[in-house]
Amino acid sequence: DLEYGKAVVEIHEAAIRPGSKVILIDDVLATGGTVEAAIRLIKKFKAKICGVYFLVEITALKGRERLKDFPIYSLVSY
């Protein structure tokens, strides 16, 4: 569930193998909900998340706090 509706995050079952190293890339880090859902999905594949990258981070929405267990990188923060 999102603050403005509902969304689904999906991945093909053959896309990630157990033990794979994964980097997530998204355009905007706002509340962190989308990437949090992707992380939960990737963990089901028993893969390791090595980092999460964003083009833009909206710091006032504190999405980084939801993702504190992973290295977070953003190109622009405001």
C-alpha atoms as a PDB file:
ATOM      1  CA  ASP A   1       0.000   0.000   0.000  1.00  0.00           C
ATOM      2  CA  LEU A   2       1.129   3.516  -0.789  1.00  0.00           C
ATOM      3  CA  GLU A   3       0.020   6.831   0.608  1.00  0.00           C
ATOM      4  CA  TYR A   4      -1.807   7.470  -2.681  1.00  0.00           C
ATOM      5  CA  GLY A   5      -2.896   3.981  -3.744  1.00  0.00           C
ATOM      6  CA  LYS A   6      -1.593   0.447  -4.190  1.00  0.00           C
ATOM      7  CA  ALA A   7       1.278  -0.966  -6.199  1.00  0.00           C
ATOM      8  CA  VAL A   8       2.860  -4.338  -6.934  1.00  0.00           C
ATOM      9  CA  VAL A   9       6.564  -5.121  -7.279  1.00  0.00           C
ATOM     10  CA  GLU A  10       7.301  -8.247  -9.315  1.00  0.00           C
ATOM     11  CA  ILE A  11      10.349 -10.077 -10.590  1.00  0.00           C
ATOM     12  CA  HIS A  12      10.738 -13.113 -12.834  1.00  0.00           C
ATOM     13  CA  GLU A  13      11.576 -16.230 -10.817  1.00  0.00           C
ATOM     14  CA  ALA A  14      14.717 -16.898 -12.877  1.00  0.00           C
ATOM     15  CA  ALA A  15      16.081 -13.353 -12.626  1.00  0.00           C
ATOM     16  CA  ILE A  16      18.081 -13.827  -9.415  1.00  0.00           C
ATOM     17  CA  ARG A  17      19.811 -16.944  -8.144  1.00  0.00           C
ATOM     18  CA  PRO A  18      20.522 -17.708  -4.481  1.00  0.00           C
ATOM     19  CA  GLY A  19      23.779 -16.058  -3.424  1.00  0.00           C
ATOM     20  CA  SER A  20      23.641 -13.430  -6.186  1.00  0.00           C
ATOM     21  CA  LYS A  21      24.928  -9.939  -5.399  1.00  0.00           C
ATOM     22  CA  VAL A  22      22.341  -7.288  -6.250  1.00  0.00           C
ATOM     23  CA  ILE A  23      22.457  -3.515  -6.589  1.00  0.00           C
ATOM     24  CA  LEU A  24      19.113  -1.725  -6.626  1.00  0.00           C
ATOM     25  CA  ILE A  25      18.779   1.456  -8.674  1.00  0.00           C
ATOM     26  CA  ASP A  26      15.765   3.763  -8.487  1.00  0.00           C
ATOM     27  CA  ASP A  27      15.128   7.296  -9.644  1.00  0.00           C
ATOM     28  CA  VAL A  28      13.847   8.910  -6.419  1.00  0.00           C
ATOM     29  CA  LEU A  29      14.141   8.058  -2.730  1.00  0.00           C
ATOM     30  CA  ALA A  30      11.113   9.581  -1.059  1.00  0.00           C
ATOM     31  CA  THR A  31       9.525   7.477   1.701  1.00  0.00           C
ATOM     32  CA  GLY A  32      11.516   4.354   0.778  1.00  0.00           C
ATOM     33  CA  GLY A  33       8.449   2.152   0.361  1.00  0.00           C
ATOM     34  CA  THR A  34       9.123   1.006  -3.196  1.00  0.00           C
ATOM     35  CA  VAL A  35      12.699  -0.036  -2.504  1.00  0.00           C
ATOM     36  CA  GLU A  36      11.688  -1.626   0.792  1.00  0.00           C
ATOM     37  CA  ALA A  37       9.239  -3.815  -1.143  1.00  0.00           C
ATOM     38  CA  ALA A  38      11.939  -4.672  -3.690  1.00  0.00           C
ATOM     39  CA  ILE A  39      14.331  -5.616  -0.879  1.00  0.00           C
ATOM     40  CA  ARG A  40      11.767  -7.966   0.666  1.00  0.00           C
ATOM     41  CA  LEU A  41      11.265  -9.588  -2.729  1.00  0.00           C
ATOM     42  CA  ILE A  42      14.994  -9.980  -3.390  1.00  0.00           C
ATOM     43  CA  LYS A  43      15.531 -11.515   0.060  1.00  0.00           C
ATOM     44  CA  LYS A  44      13.100 -14.280  -0.903  1.00  0.00           C
ATOM     45  CA  PHE A  45      15.651 -15.278  -3.549  1.00  0.00           C
ATOM     46  CA  LYS A  46      18.363 -15.426  -0.853  1.00  0.00           C
ATOM     47  CA  ALA A  47      20.443 -12.834  -2.689  1.00  0.00           C
ATOM     48  CA  LYS A  48      22.757 -10.255  -1.099  1.00  0.00           C
ATOM     49  CA  ILE A  49      21.896  -6.582  -1.560  1.00  0.00           C
ATOM     50  CA  CYS A  50      25.195  -4.740  -1.936  1.00  0.00           C
ATOM     51  CA  GLY A  51      23.832  -1.222  -2.230  1.00  0.00           C
ATOM     52  CA  VAL A  52      20.869   0.938  -3.144  1.00  0.00           C
ATOM     53  CA  TYR A  53      21.372   3.864  -5.527  1.00  0.00           C
ATOM     54  CA  PHE A  54      19.122   6.833  -6.300  1.00  0.00           C
ATOM     55  CA  LEU A  55      19.380   9.784  -8.641  1.00  0.00           C
ATOM     56  CA  VAL A  56      17.494  12.060  -6.219  1.00  0.00           C
ATOM     57  CA  GLU A  57      16.824  11.827  -2.490  1.00  0.00           C
ATOM     58  CA  ILE A  58      14.126  13.932  -0.838  1.00  0.00           C
ATOM     59  CA  THR A  59      15.649  14.064   2.637  1.00  0.00           C
ATOM     60  CA  ALA A  60      12.597  15.597   4.379  1.00  0.00           C
ATOM     61  CA  LEU A  61      10.632  12.365   3.769  1.00  0.00           C
ATOM     62  CA  LYS A  62      13.254  10.305   5.665  1.00  0.00           C
ATOM     63  CA  GLY A  63      13.181   7.302   3.344  1.00  0.00           C
ATOM     64  CA  ARG A  64      16.806   6.535   4.218  1.00  0.00           C
ATOM     65  CA  GLU A  65      15.675   5.589   7.741  1.00  0.00           C
ATOM     66  CA  ARG A  66      13.581   2.700   6.354  1.00  0.00           C
ATOM     67  CA  LEU A  67      16.622   1.366   4.506  1.00  0.00           C
ATOM     68  CA  LYS A  68      19.188   1.746   7.297  1.00  0.00           C
ATOM     69  CA  ASP A  69      20.477  -1.829   6.960  1.00  0.00           C
ATOM     70  CA  PHE A  70      21.866  -1.180   3.462  1.00  0.00           C
ATOM     71  CA  PRO A  71      24.431   1.170   1.921  1.00  0.00           C
ATOM     72  CA  ILE A  72      22.476   4.057   0.370  1.00  0.00           C
ATOM     73  CA  TYR A  73      23.878   6.371  -2.299  1.00  0.00           C
ATOM     74  CA  SER A  74      22.156   9.321  -3.932  1.00  0.00           C
ATOM     75  CA  LEU A  75      23.457  11.655  -6.610  1.00  0.00           C
ATOM     76  CA  VAL A  76      21.411  14.681  -5.484  1.00  0.00           C
ATOM     77  CA  SER A  77      19.818  15.306  -2.083  1.00  0.00           C
ATOM     78  CA  TYR A  78      17.475  18.127  -1.198  1.00  0.00           C
END
